[in-house]
């Protein structure tokens, strides 16, 4: 009996994943307030009526977008964790940011822009969820700095992620992808200059 349901369960799971990926993409491009459930349904190639089976409200879809951003970050950091050297992992993260320069220049950082937008709301708790998504990146970066034996790994993580948020905002405001290229190169140089003895 389980086998007969398996294809249906797989199809439902695939549809939910498509909706989450579409939500992440469309909310990043349009913002949470301007995005409609119909926009996400269209991007996922799912009938609008079917969306409500998986997500009851638009806020549920925005939360799903945040979850998808965290999942994508987990995939990236999981790949980077395969590198032996934590400094190379951090540099790999910066290189990944640089590779997204065109998207950042057009739409900003997916999580940062969403966090800023959701912070203006007075209800819903999605602003807290956005902060938690950024915390995932901060915690990962802090672990790398700690593994390098550097003092104040939490502060260094904040510097790194703050630099990314700043360059994304600047590239987006100016519509200049090269801002990301230049600033990522500076970050790589900064990472190379850090040493445990402070020299």
N, C-alpha and C. Protein backbone atom coordinates (compact mmCIF):
# COMPACT_ATOMS: atom_id res chain seq x y z
N UNK A 1 0.82 -1.19 0.00
CA UNK A 1 0.00 0.00 0.00
C UNK A 1 0.86 1.26 0.00
N UNK A 2 1.97 1.23 0.74
CA UNK A 2 2.87 2.38 0.77
C UNK A 2 3.46 2.63 -0.61
N UNK A 3 3.78 1.56 -1.33
CA UNK A 3 4.37 1.70 -2.65
C UNK A 3 3.43 2.41 -3.61
N UNK A 4 2.11 2.15 -3.52
CA UNK A 4 1.16 2.79 -4.43
C UNK A 4 1.05 4.29 -4.15
N UNK A 5 1.31 4.71 -2.92
CA UNK A 5 1.25 6.13 -2.59
C UNK A 5 2.57 6.83 -2.84
N UNK A 6 3.62 6.10 -2.97
CA UNK A 6 4.94 6.68 -3.09
C UNK A 6 5.07 7.68 -4.23
N UNK A 7 4.61 7.38 -5.45
CA UNK A 7 4.72 8.38 -6.52
C UNK A 7 3.93 9.65 -6.21
N UNK A 8 2.76 9.50 -5.59
CA UNK A 8 1.95 10.67 -5.24
C UNK A 8 2.66 11.51 -4.17
N UNK A 9 3.22 10.83 -3.18
CA UNK A 9 3.94 11.55 -2.13
C UNK A 9 5.15 12.27 -2.72
N UNK A 10 5.86 11.58 -3.61
CA UNK A 10 7.02 12.22 -4.25
C UNK A 10 6.60 13.42 -5.08
N UNK A 11 5.50 13.30 -5.80
CA UNK A 11 5.02 14.42 -6.63
C UNK A 11 4.63 15.61 -5.75
N UNK A 12 3.96 15.33 -4.64
CA UNK A 12 3.56 16.41 -3.73
C UNK A 12 4.80 17.09 -3.13
N UNK A 13 5.79 16.29 -2.78
CA UNK A 13 7.01 16.84 -2.22
C UNK A 13 7.74 17.70 -3.25
N UNK A 14 7.77 17.23 -4.49
CA UNK A 14 8.44 17.98 -5.55
C UNK A 14 7.71 19.31 -5.80
N UNK A 15 6.38 19.28 -5.74
CA UNK A 15 5.59 20.50 -5.96
C UNK A 15 5.86 21.50 -4.83
N UNK A 16 5.90 21.00 -3.61
CA UNK A 16 6.19 21.88 -2.47
C UNK A 16 7.58 22.51 -2.62
N UNK A 17 8.56 21.70 -3.03
CA UNK A 17 9.92 22.22 -3.22
C UNK A 17 9.95 23.27 -4.33
N UNK A 18 9.20 23.04 -5.41
CA UNK A 18 9.13 24.03 -6.50
C UNK A 18 8.53 25.34 -5.99
N UNK A 19 7.50 25.22 -5.17
CA UNK A 19 6.88 26.42 -4.62
C UNK A 19 7.84 27.17 -3.70
N UNK A 20 8.58 26.45 -2.89
CA UNK A 20 9.54 27.10 -1.99
C UNK A 20 10.64 27.80 -2.78
N UNK A 21 11.17 27.13 -3.79
CA UNK A 21 12.22 27.74 -4.62
C UNK A 21 11.68 28.96 -5.35
N UNK A 22 10.45 28.85 -5.88
CA UNK A 22 9.84 29.99 -6.57
C UNK A 22 9.60 31.14 -5.60
N UNK A 23 9.14 30.82 -4.40
CA UNK A 23 8.91 31.86 -3.39
C UNK A 23 10.20 32.60 -3.08
N UNK A 24 11.28 31.85 -2.89
CA UNK A 24 12.57 32.48 -2.60
C UNK A 24 12.99 33.42 -3.73
N UNK A 25 12.84 32.96 -4.95
CA UNK A 25 13.26 33.74 -6.12
C UNK A 25 12.38 34.98 -6.31
N UNK A 26 11.06 34.78 -6.28
CA UNK A 26 10.14 35.89 -6.57
C UNK A 26 10.14 36.93 -5.45
N UNK A 27 10.16 36.47 -4.21
CA UNK A 27 10.19 37.42 -3.09
C UNK A 27 11.49 38.22 -3.12
N UNK A 28 12.59 37.58 -3.50
CA UNK A 28 13.86 38.30 -3.62
C UNK A 28 13.75 39.37 -4.71
N UNK A 29 13.15 39.02 -5.82
CA UNK A 29 13.09 39.95 -6.96
C UNK A 29 12.06 41.06 -6.76
N UNK A 30 10.94 40.75 -6.12
CA UNK A 30 9.85 41.72 -6.04
C UNK A 30 9.63 42.29 -4.64
N UNK A 31 10.17 41.63 -3.62
CA UNK A 31 9.87 42.02 -2.25
C UNK A 31 8.63 41.30 -1.76
N UNK A 32 8.52 41.15 -0.46
CA UNK A 32 7.41 40.40 0.12
C UNK A 32 6.08 41.10 -0.10
N UNK A 33 6.06 42.41 0.03
CA UNK A 33 4.79 43.14 -0.06
C UNK A 33 4.21 43.12 -1.46
N UNK A 34 5.05 43.22 -2.47
CA UNK A 34 4.57 43.28 -3.85
C UNK A 34 4.26 41.90 -4.43
N UNK A 35 4.79 40.86 -3.81
CA UNK A 35 4.60 39.52 -4.34
C UNK A 35 3.23 38.97 -3.95
N UNK A 36 2.57 38.34 -4.92
CA UNK A 36 1.28 37.71 -4.64
C UNK A 36 1.45 36.19 -4.70
N UNK A 37 0.48 35.51 -4.14
CA UNK A 37 0.48 34.04 -4.22
C UNK A 37 0.43 33.62 -5.69
N UNK A 38 -0.31 34.36 -6.50
CA UNK A 38 -0.39 34.04 -7.93
C UNK A 38 0.97 34.17 -8.61
N UNK A 39 1.76 35.17 -8.22
CA UNK A 39 3.11 35.33 -8.78
C UNK A 39 3.95 34.08 -8.52
N UNK A 40 3.88 33.60 -7.28
CA UNK A 40 4.68 32.43 -6.90
C UNK A 40 4.16 31.18 -7.60
N UNK A 41 2.84 31.04 -7.66
CA UNK A 41 2.25 29.90 -8.35
C UNK A 41 2.70 29.87 -9.81
N UNK A 42 2.66 31.02 -10.46
CA UNK A 42 3.07 31.11 -11.86
C UNK A 42 4.54 30.74 -12.02
N UNK A 43 5.40 31.27 -11.15
CA UNK A 43 6.84 30.98 -11.24
C UNK A 43 7.13 29.50 -10.99
N UNK A 44 6.31 28.86 -10.17
CA UNK A 44 6.50 27.43 -9.86
C UNK A 44 5.77 26.52 -10.83
N UNK A 45 4.99 27.12 -11.74
CA UNK A 45 4.17 26.37 -12.68
C UNK A 45 3.20 25.44 -11.95
N UNK A 46 2.53 26.03 -10.96
CA UNK A 46 1.55 25.31 -10.14
C UNK A 46 0.24 26.11 -10.19
N UNK A 47 -0.90 25.47 -10.39
CA UNK A 47 -2.17 26.21 -10.36
C UNK A 47 -2.35 26.93 -9.02
N UNK A 48 -2.85 28.15 -9.10
CA UNK A 48 -2.97 28.97 -7.89
C UNK A 48 -3.74 28.24 -6.80
N UNK A 49 -4.82 27.58 -7.16
CA UNK A 49 -5.62 26.87 -6.16
C UNK A 49 -4.85 25.79 -5.43
N UNK A 50 -3.88 25.20 -6.09
CA UNK A 50 -3.08 24.14 -5.46
C UNK A 50 -2.12 24.68 -4.39
N UNK A 51 -1.77 25.95 -4.52
CA UNK A 51 -0.81 26.53 -3.57
C UNK A 51 -1.35 26.42 -2.15
N UNK A 52 -2.65 26.63 -1.99
CA UNK A 52 -3.25 26.66 -0.65
C UNK A 52 -3.20 25.30 0.04
N UNK A 53 -2.99 24.25 -0.71
CA UNK A 53 -2.82 22.93 -0.12
C UNK A 53 -1.52 22.87 0.68
N UNK A 54 -0.52 23.62 0.22
CA UNK A 54 0.80 23.59 0.85
C UNK A 54 1.04 24.79 1.77
N UNK A 55 0.52 25.95 1.38
CA UNK A 55 0.76 27.18 2.13
C UNK A 55 -0.56 27.95 2.22
N UNK A 56 -1.02 28.18 3.42
CA UNK A 56 -2.34 28.78 3.62
C UNK A 56 -2.38 30.29 3.36
N UNK A 57 -1.25 30.97 3.61
CA UNK A 57 -1.22 32.42 3.47
C UNK A 57 0.05 32.84 2.75
N UNK A 58 0.07 34.10 2.34
CA UNK A 58 1.28 34.63 1.72
C UNK A 58 2.42 34.64 2.73
N UNK A 59 2.12 34.94 3.98
CA UNK A 59 3.18 34.91 5.00
C UNK A 59 3.80 33.52 5.12
N UNK A 60 2.99 32.48 4.95
CA UNK A 60 3.54 31.12 4.95
C UNK A 60 4.53 30.95 3.80
N UNK A 61 4.23 31.55 2.66
CA UNK A 61 5.14 31.48 1.53
C UNK A 61 6.40 32.31 1.76
N UNK A 62 6.27 33.44 2.42
CA UNK A 62 7.45 34.24 2.74
C UNK A 62 8.33 33.47 3.72
N UNK A 63 7.71 32.83 4.70
CA UNK A 63 8.48 31.98 5.62
C UNK A 63 9.15 30.85 4.86
N UNK A 64 8.46 30.29 3.87
CA UNK A 64 9.04 29.23 3.04
C UNK A 64 10.23 29.76 2.24
N UNK A 65 10.14 31.00 1.79
CA UNK A 65 11.25 31.62 1.06
C UNK A 65 12.47 31.71 1.96
N UNK A 66 12.26 32.13 3.21
CA UNK A 66 13.37 32.19 4.17
C UNK A 66 13.97 30.81 4.41
N UNK A 67 13.10 29.82 4.55
CA UNK A 67 13.56 28.45 4.74
C UNK A 67 14.39 27.99 3.55
N UNK A 68 13.95 28.36 2.36
CA UNK A 68 14.69 28.00 1.14
C UNK A 68 16.05 28.70 1.09
N UNK A 69 16.09 29.96 1.50
CA UNK A 69 17.39 30.66 1.54
C UNK A 69 18.34 29.96 2.50
N UNK A 70 17.83 29.55 3.65
CA UNK A 70 18.67 28.84 4.62
C UNK A 70 19.11 27.49 4.06
N UNK A 71 18.21 26.81 3.35
CA UNK A 71 18.58 25.53 2.73
C UNK A 71 19.70 25.72 1.71
N UNK A 72 19.56 26.75 0.87
CA UNK A 72 20.59 27.02 -0.13
C UNK A 72 21.92 27.37 0.54
N UNK A 73 21.85 28.15 1.61
CA UNK A 73 23.07 28.47 2.37
C UNK A 73 23.69 27.20 2.94
N UNK A 74 22.86 26.30 3.44
CA UNK A 74 23.35 25.03 3.97
C UNK A 74 24.04 24.19 2.90
N UNK A 75 23.48 24.21 1.70
CA UNK A 75 24.13 23.48 0.60
C UNK A 75 25.50 24.08 0.29
N UNK A 76 25.56 25.41 0.24
CA UNK A 76 26.84 26.08 -0.05
C UNK A 76 27.87 25.81 1.05
N UNK A 77 27.47 26.04 2.30
CA UNK A 77 28.44 25.85 3.39
C UNK A 77 28.80 24.37 3.54
N UNK A 78 27.87 23.49 3.21
CA UNK A 78 28.18 22.06 3.24
C UNK A 78 29.28 21.72 2.25
N UNK A 79 29.21 22.30 1.05
CA UNK A 79 30.27 22.09 0.06
C UNK A 79 31.58 22.69 0.55
N UNK A 80 31.49 23.89 1.12
CA UNK A 80 32.71 24.55 1.61
C UNK A 80 33.33 23.78 2.77
N UNK A 81 32.50 23.13 3.57
CA UNK A 81 33.01 22.35 4.70
C UNK A 81 33.86 21.17 4.26
N UNK A 82 33.75 20.79 2.99
CA UNK A 82 34.60 19.72 2.47
C UNK A 82 36.05 20.16 2.32
N UNK A 83 36.30 21.48 2.30
CA UNK A 83 37.67 21.99 2.23
C UNK A 83 38.34 21.82 3.59
N UNK A 84 39.60 21.48 3.58
CA UNK A 84 40.32 21.21 4.83
C UNK A 84 40.61 22.47 5.64
N UNK A 85 40.87 23.57 4.96
CA UNK A 85 41.33 24.80 5.61
C UNK A 85 40.16 25.77 5.82
N UNK A 86 39.90 26.17 7.06
CA UNK A 86 38.79 27.10 7.31
C UNK A 86 38.97 28.45 6.61
N UNK A 87 40.21 28.88 6.41
CA UNK A 87 40.42 30.14 5.69
C UNK A 87 39.96 30.00 4.23
N UNK A 88 40.24 28.83 3.66
CA UNK A 88 39.79 28.58 2.29
C UNK A 88 38.27 28.47 2.22
N UNK A 89 37.66 27.96 3.28
CA UNK A 89 36.20 27.91 3.33
C UNK A 89 35.62 29.32 3.30
N UNK A 90 36.19 30.20 4.12
CA UNK A 90 35.73 31.58 4.17
C UNK A 90 35.95 32.28 2.83
N UNK A 91 37.10 32.05 2.24
CA UNK A 91 37.36 32.64 0.93
C UNK A 91 36.42 32.08 -0.13
N UNK A 92 36.09 30.81 0.00
CA UNK A 92 35.12 30.21 -0.91
C UNK A 92 33.75 30.85 -0.78
N UNK A 93 33.38 31.20 0.44
CA UNK A 93 32.12 31.91 0.66
C UNK A 93 32.14 33.26 -0.05
N UNK A 94 33.23 33.99 0.11
CA UNK A 94 33.36 35.30 -0.53
C UNK A 94 33.33 35.14 -2.05
N UNK A 95 33.98 34.13 -2.57
CA UNK A 95 33.95 33.89 -4.01
C UNK A 95 32.53 33.57 -4.49
N UNK A 96 31.77 32.85 -3.68
CA UNK A 96 30.37 32.58 -4.02
C UNK A 96 29.58 33.88 -4.06
N UNK A 97 29.83 34.78 -3.11
CA UNK A 97 29.17 36.09 -3.15
C UNK A 97 29.51 36.83 -4.43
N UNK A 98 30.80 36.82 -4.80
CA UNK A 98 31.25 37.52 -6.01
C UNK A 98 30.57 36.93 -7.25
N UNK A 99 30.36 35.63 -7.25
CA UNK A 99 29.74 34.99 -8.42
C UNK A 99 28.27 35.40 -8.58
N UNK A 100 27.68 35.93 -7.53
CA UNK A 100 26.29 36.38 -7.57
C UNK A 100 26.17 37.90 -7.72
N UNK A 101 27.25 38.52 -8.21
CA UNK A 101 27.29 39.99 -8.26
C UNK A 101 26.18 40.60 -9.12
N UNK A 102 25.84 39.94 -10.23
CA UNK A 102 24.78 40.49 -11.10
C UNK A 102 23.43 40.48 -10.38
N UNK A 103 23.16 39.38 -9.69
CA UNK A 103 21.90 39.27 -8.94
C UNK A 103 21.88 40.27 -7.80
N UNK A 104 23.01 40.39 -7.09
CA UNK A 104 23.08 41.33 -5.97
C UNK A 104 22.88 42.76 -6.45
N UNK A 105 23.49 43.10 -7.60
CA UNK A 105 23.35 44.46 -8.11
C UNK A 105 21.91 44.76 -8.51
N UNK A 106 21.20 43.74 -8.93
CA UNK A 106 19.81 43.95 -9.35
C UNK A 106 18.83 43.93 -8.18
N UNK A 107 19.06 42.99 -7.23
CA UNK A 107 18.05 42.79 -6.18
C UNK A 107 18.58 42.88 -4.75
N UNK A 108 19.87 42.98 -4.55
CA UNK A 108 20.44 42.99 -3.20
C UNK A 108 20.61 41.59 -2.65
N UNK A 109 20.98 41.50 -1.40
CA UNK A 109 21.13 40.21 -0.72
C UNK A 109 19.74 39.63 -0.45
N UNK A 110 19.51 38.36 -0.80
CA UNK A 110 18.16 37.80 -0.62
C UNK A 110 17.65 37.91 0.81
N UNK A 111 18.48 37.56 1.77
CA UNK A 111 18.02 37.56 3.16
C UNK A 111 18.07 38.95 3.76
N UNK A 112 19.12 39.70 3.45
CA UNK A 112 19.26 41.04 4.01
C UNK A 112 18.15 41.98 3.58
N UNK A 113 17.83 41.97 2.29
CA UNK A 113 16.76 42.86 1.82
C UNK A 113 15.41 42.45 2.40
N UNK A 114 15.20 41.14 2.52
CA UNK A 114 13.95 40.66 3.10
C UNK A 114 13.86 41.02 4.58
N UNK A 115 14.99 40.88 5.29
CA UNK A 115 15.01 41.25 6.72
C UNK A 115 14.68 42.72 6.90
N UNK A 116 15.25 43.58 6.04
CA UNK A 116 14.98 45.01 6.15
C UNK A 116 13.51 45.32 5.86
N UNK A 117 12.95 44.65 4.85
CA UNK A 117 11.55 44.88 4.52
C UNK A 117 10.63 44.38 5.63
N UNK A 118 10.90 43.19 6.13
CA UNK A 118 10.02 42.61 7.16
C UNK A 118 10.12 43.34 8.48
N UNK A 119 11.25 44.00 8.74
CA UNK A 119 11.43 44.74 9.98
C UNK A 119 10.46 45.90 10.09
N UNK A 120 9.95 46.36 8.96
CA UNK A 120 9.02 47.49 8.97
C UNK A 120 7.60 47.07 9.34
N UNK A 121 7.37 45.76 9.40
CA UNK A 121 6.06 45.27 9.82
C UNK A 121 5.94 45.35 11.34
N UNK A 122 4.71 45.41 11.80
CA UNK A 122 4.51 45.46 13.25
C UNK A 122 3.99 44.14 13.80
N UNK A 123 3.77 43.16 12.91
CA UNK A 123 3.22 41.89 13.37
C UNK A 123 3.70 40.76 12.49
N UNK A 124 3.49 39.55 12.93
CA UNK A 124 3.76 38.38 12.09
C UNK A 124 4.99 37.58 12.49
N UNK A 125 6.00 38.23 13.04
CA UNK A 125 7.18 37.50 13.48
C UNK A 125 8.14 37.09 12.37
N UNK A 126 7.83 37.45 11.12
CA UNK A 126 8.73 37.08 10.04
C UNK A 126 10.05 37.82 10.12
N UNK A 127 10.05 39.01 10.73
CA UNK A 127 11.31 39.75 10.89
C UNK A 127 12.28 38.95 11.76
N UNK A 128 11.75 38.28 12.77
CA UNK A 128 12.59 37.44 13.63
C UNK A 128 13.12 36.25 12.85
N UNK A 129 12.27 35.67 12.01
CA UNK A 129 12.70 34.54 11.18
C UNK A 129 13.81 34.95 10.23
N UNK A 130 13.73 36.16 9.67
CA UNK A 130 14.77 36.66 8.77
C UNK A 130 16.08 36.83 9.53
N UNK A 131 15.99 37.34 10.75
CA UNK A 131 17.19 37.47 11.58
C UNK A 131 17.83 36.13 11.88
N UNK A 132 17.01 35.12 12.09
CA UNK A 132 17.54 33.77 12.35
C UNK A 132 18.25 33.22 11.13
N UNK A 133 17.75 33.56 9.95
CA UNK A 133 18.41 33.10 8.71
C UNK A 133 19.80 33.72 8.60
N UNK A 134 19.92 34.99 8.94
CA UNK A 134 21.24 35.64 8.91
C UNK A 134 22.13 35.07 10.00
N UNK A 135 21.55 34.70 11.13
CA UNK A 135 22.31 34.11 12.23
C UNK A 135 22.98 32.79 11.80
N UNK A 136 22.33 32.04 10.93
CA UNK A 136 22.91 30.79 10.43
C UNK A 136 24.26 31.07 9.76
N UNK A 137 24.30 32.12 8.94
CA UNK A 137 25.55 32.49 8.27
C UNK A 137 26.58 32.99 9.26
N UNK A 138 26.16 33.82 10.19
CA UNK A 138 27.08 34.32 11.21
C UNK A 138 27.70 33.18 12.01
N UNK A 139 26.88 32.23 12.42
CA UNK A 139 27.38 31.10 13.22
C UNK A 139 28.37 30.26 12.44
N UNK A 140 28.08 30.04 11.15
CA UNK A 140 29.01 29.25 10.33
C UNK A 140 30.35 29.98 10.20
N UNK A 141 30.30 31.29 9.90
CA UNK A 141 31.53 32.06 9.76
C UNK A 141 32.30 32.09 11.08
N UNK A 142 31.60 32.24 12.19
CA UNK A 142 32.26 32.26 13.49
C UNK A 142 33.00 30.95 13.74
N UNK A 143 32.40 29.83 13.37
CA UNK A 143 33.09 28.53 13.54
C UNK A 143 34.39 28.47 12.75
N UNK A 144 34.38 29.07 11.56
CA UNK A 144 35.60 29.05 10.74
C UNK A 144 36.70 29.89 11.40
N UNK A 145 36.34 31.08 11.86
CA UNK A 145 37.32 31.94 12.51
C UNK A 145 37.83 31.30 13.81
N UNK A 146 36.95 30.62 14.52
CA UNK A 146 37.37 29.95 15.75
C UNK A 146 38.34 28.82 15.42
N UNK A 147 38.05 28.07 14.37
CA UNK A 147 38.93 26.97 13.97
C UNK A 147 40.31 27.49 13.56
N UNK A 148 40.35 28.71 13.04
CA UNK A 148 41.63 29.32 12.69
C UNK A 148 42.39 29.80 13.93
N UNK A 149 41.74 29.77 15.08
CA UNK A 149 42.39 30.20 16.32
C UNK A 149 42.49 31.71 16.44
N UNK A 150 41.63 32.42 15.75
CA UNK A 150 41.69 33.89 15.77
C UNK A 150 40.93 34.44 16.96
N UNK A 151 41.42 35.53 17.54
CA UNK A 151 40.68 36.16 18.65
C UNK A 151 39.38 36.78 18.16
N UNK A 152 38.38 36.77 19.02
CA UNK A 152 37.06 37.35 18.74
C UNK A 152 36.45 36.82 17.45
N UNK A 153 36.26 35.50 17.36
CA UNK A 153 35.69 34.94 16.12
C UNK A 153 34.29 35.46 15.83
N UNK A 154 33.50 35.74 16.87
CA UNK A 154 32.17 36.28 16.65
C UNK A 154 32.22 37.67 16.03
N UNK A 155 33.13 38.49 16.50
CA UNK A 155 33.30 39.83 15.94
C UNK A 155 33.78 39.79 14.50
N UNK A 156 34.68 38.87 14.21
CA UNK A 156 35.18 38.72 12.84
C UNK A 156 34.05 38.26 11.91
N UNK A 157 33.21 37.36 12.41
CA UNK A 157 32.07 36.90 11.61
C UNK A 157 31.13 38.07 11.31
N UNK A 158 30.88 38.92 12.31
CA UNK A 158 30.03 40.08 12.09
C UNK A 158 30.65 41.03 11.07
N UNK A 159 31.98 41.21 11.13
CA UNK A 159 32.66 42.06 10.16
C UNK A 159 32.49 41.51 8.75
N UNK A 160 32.68 40.20 8.60
CA UNK A 160 32.58 39.57 7.28
C UNK A 160 31.16 39.68 6.73
N UNK A 161 30.18 39.27 7.52
CA UNK A 161 28.79 39.28 7.04
C UNK A 161 28.30 40.71 6.88
N UNK A 162 28.72 41.60 7.76
CA UNK A 162 28.37 43.01 7.62
C UNK A 162 28.93 43.61 6.34
N UNK A 163 30.15 43.22 5.99
CA UNK A 163 30.76 43.69 4.74
C UNK A 163 29.94 43.21 3.55
N UNK A 164 29.50 41.95 3.61
CA UNK A 164 28.68 41.41 2.53
C UNK A 164 27.36 42.17 2.40
N UNK A 165 26.71 42.42 3.54
CA UNK A 165 25.44 43.15 3.49
C UNK A 165 25.65 44.55 2.93
N UNK A 166 26.73 45.19 3.36
CA UNK A 166 27.02 46.54 2.88
C UNK A 166 27.32 46.58 1.39
N UNK A 167 28.14 45.65 0.92
CA UNK A 167 28.48 45.66 -0.51
C UNK A 167 27.27 45.30 -1.36
N UNK A 168 26.42 44.41 -0.85
CA UNK A 168 25.21 44.06 -1.60
C UNK A 168 24.29 45.26 -1.72
N UNK A 169 24.14 45.98 -0.62
CA UNK A 169 23.29 47.17 -0.62
C UNK A 169 23.85 48.23 -1.57
N UNK A 170 25.15 48.45 -1.51
CA UNK A 170 25.78 49.45 -2.36
C UNK A 170 25.69 49.07 -3.83
N UNK A 171 25.99 47.81 -4.13
CA UNK A 171 25.90 47.34 -5.52
C UNK A 171 24.47 47.48 -6.04
N UNK A 172 23.50 47.17 -5.19
CA UNK A 172 22.10 47.27 -5.58
C UNK A 172 21.69 48.73 -5.78
N UNK A 173 22.07 49.58 -4.85
CA UNK A 173 21.69 51.00 -4.94
C UNK A 173 22.29 51.65 -6.19
N UNK A 174 23.53 51.28 -6.51
CA UNK A 174 24.22 51.87 -7.65
C UNK A 174 24.00 51.09 -8.94
N UNK A 175 23.42 49.88 -8.82
CA UNK A 175 23.26 48.96 -9.95
C UNK A 175 24.62 48.69 -10.61
N UNK A 176 25.63 48.47 -9.75
CA UNK A 176 26.99 48.25 -10.22
C UNK A 176 27.53 46.93 -9.67
N UNK A 177 27.51 45.86 -10.46
CA UNK A 177 28.03 44.57 -10.02
C UNK A 177 29.51 44.63 -9.64
N UNK A 178 30.26 45.55 -10.27
CA UNK A 178 31.70 45.62 -9.98
C UNK A 178 31.99 46.03 -8.54
N UNK A 179 31.01 46.65 -7.88
CA UNK A 179 31.18 46.93 -6.45
C UNK A 179 31.43 45.62 -5.71
N UNK A 180 30.64 44.60 -6.05
CA UNK A 180 30.81 43.29 -5.42
C UNK A 180 32.18 42.69 -5.75
N UNK A 181 32.60 42.82 -7.00
CA UNK A 181 33.89 42.27 -7.42
C UNK A 181 35.02 42.91 -6.61
N UNK A 182 35.02 44.24 -6.54
CA UNK A 182 36.09 44.94 -5.83
C UNK A 182 36.08 44.64 -4.33
N UNK A 183 34.90 44.69 -3.74
CA UNK A 183 34.82 44.48 -2.29
C UNK A 183 35.10 43.03 -1.89
N UNK A 184 34.70 42.09 -2.73
CA UNK A 184 35.02 40.69 -2.44
C UNK A 184 36.53 40.47 -2.52
N UNK A 185 37.20 41.13 -3.47
CA UNK A 185 38.66 41.02 -3.56
C UNK A 185 39.30 41.59 -2.29
N UNK A 186 38.75 42.68 -1.79
CA UNK A 186 39.27 43.25 -0.53
C UNK A 186 39.06 42.29 0.64
N UNK A 187 37.90 41.65 0.66
CA UNK A 187 37.63 40.70 1.74
C UNK A 187 38.59 39.51 1.70
N UNK A 188 38.88 39.01 0.50
CA UNK A 188 39.83 37.90 0.38
C UNK A 188 41.19 38.34 0.90
N UNK A 189 41.62 39.55 0.53
CA UNK A 189 42.89 40.08 1.05
C UNK A 189 42.87 40.20 2.57
N UNK A 190 41.75 40.66 3.11
CA UNK A 190 41.61 40.78 4.57
C UNK A 190 41.72 39.40 5.22
N UNK A 191 41.02 38.42 4.67
CA UNK A 191 41.07 37.05 5.23
C UNK A 191 42.50 36.52 5.20
N UNK A 192 43.22 36.78 4.12
CA UNK A 192 44.61 36.31 4.02
C UNK A 192 45.51 36.99 5.04
N UNK A 193 45.14 38.22 5.43
CA UNK A 193 46.01 38.98 6.35
C UNK A 193 45.82 38.59 7.82
N UNK A 194 44.74 37.90 8.14
CA UNK A 194 44.45 37.59 9.54
C UNK A 194 45.37 36.48 10.05
N UNK A 195 45.90 36.72 11.25
CA UNK A 195 46.73 35.68 11.89
C UNK A 195 46.39 35.60 13.36
N UNK A 196 46.58 34.42 13.93
CA UNK A 196 46.20 34.17 15.32
C UNK A 196 46.98 35.03 16.29
N UNK A 197 48.23 35.39 15.92
CA UNK A 197 49.04 36.18 16.86
C UNK A 197 48.82 37.68 16.71
N UNK A 198 47.91 38.06 15.77
CA UNK A 198 47.58 39.47 15.62
C UNK A 198 48.56 40.24 14.75
N UNK A 199 49.56 39.55 14.19
CA UNK A 199 50.56 40.24 13.37
C UNK A 199 50.06 40.43 11.95
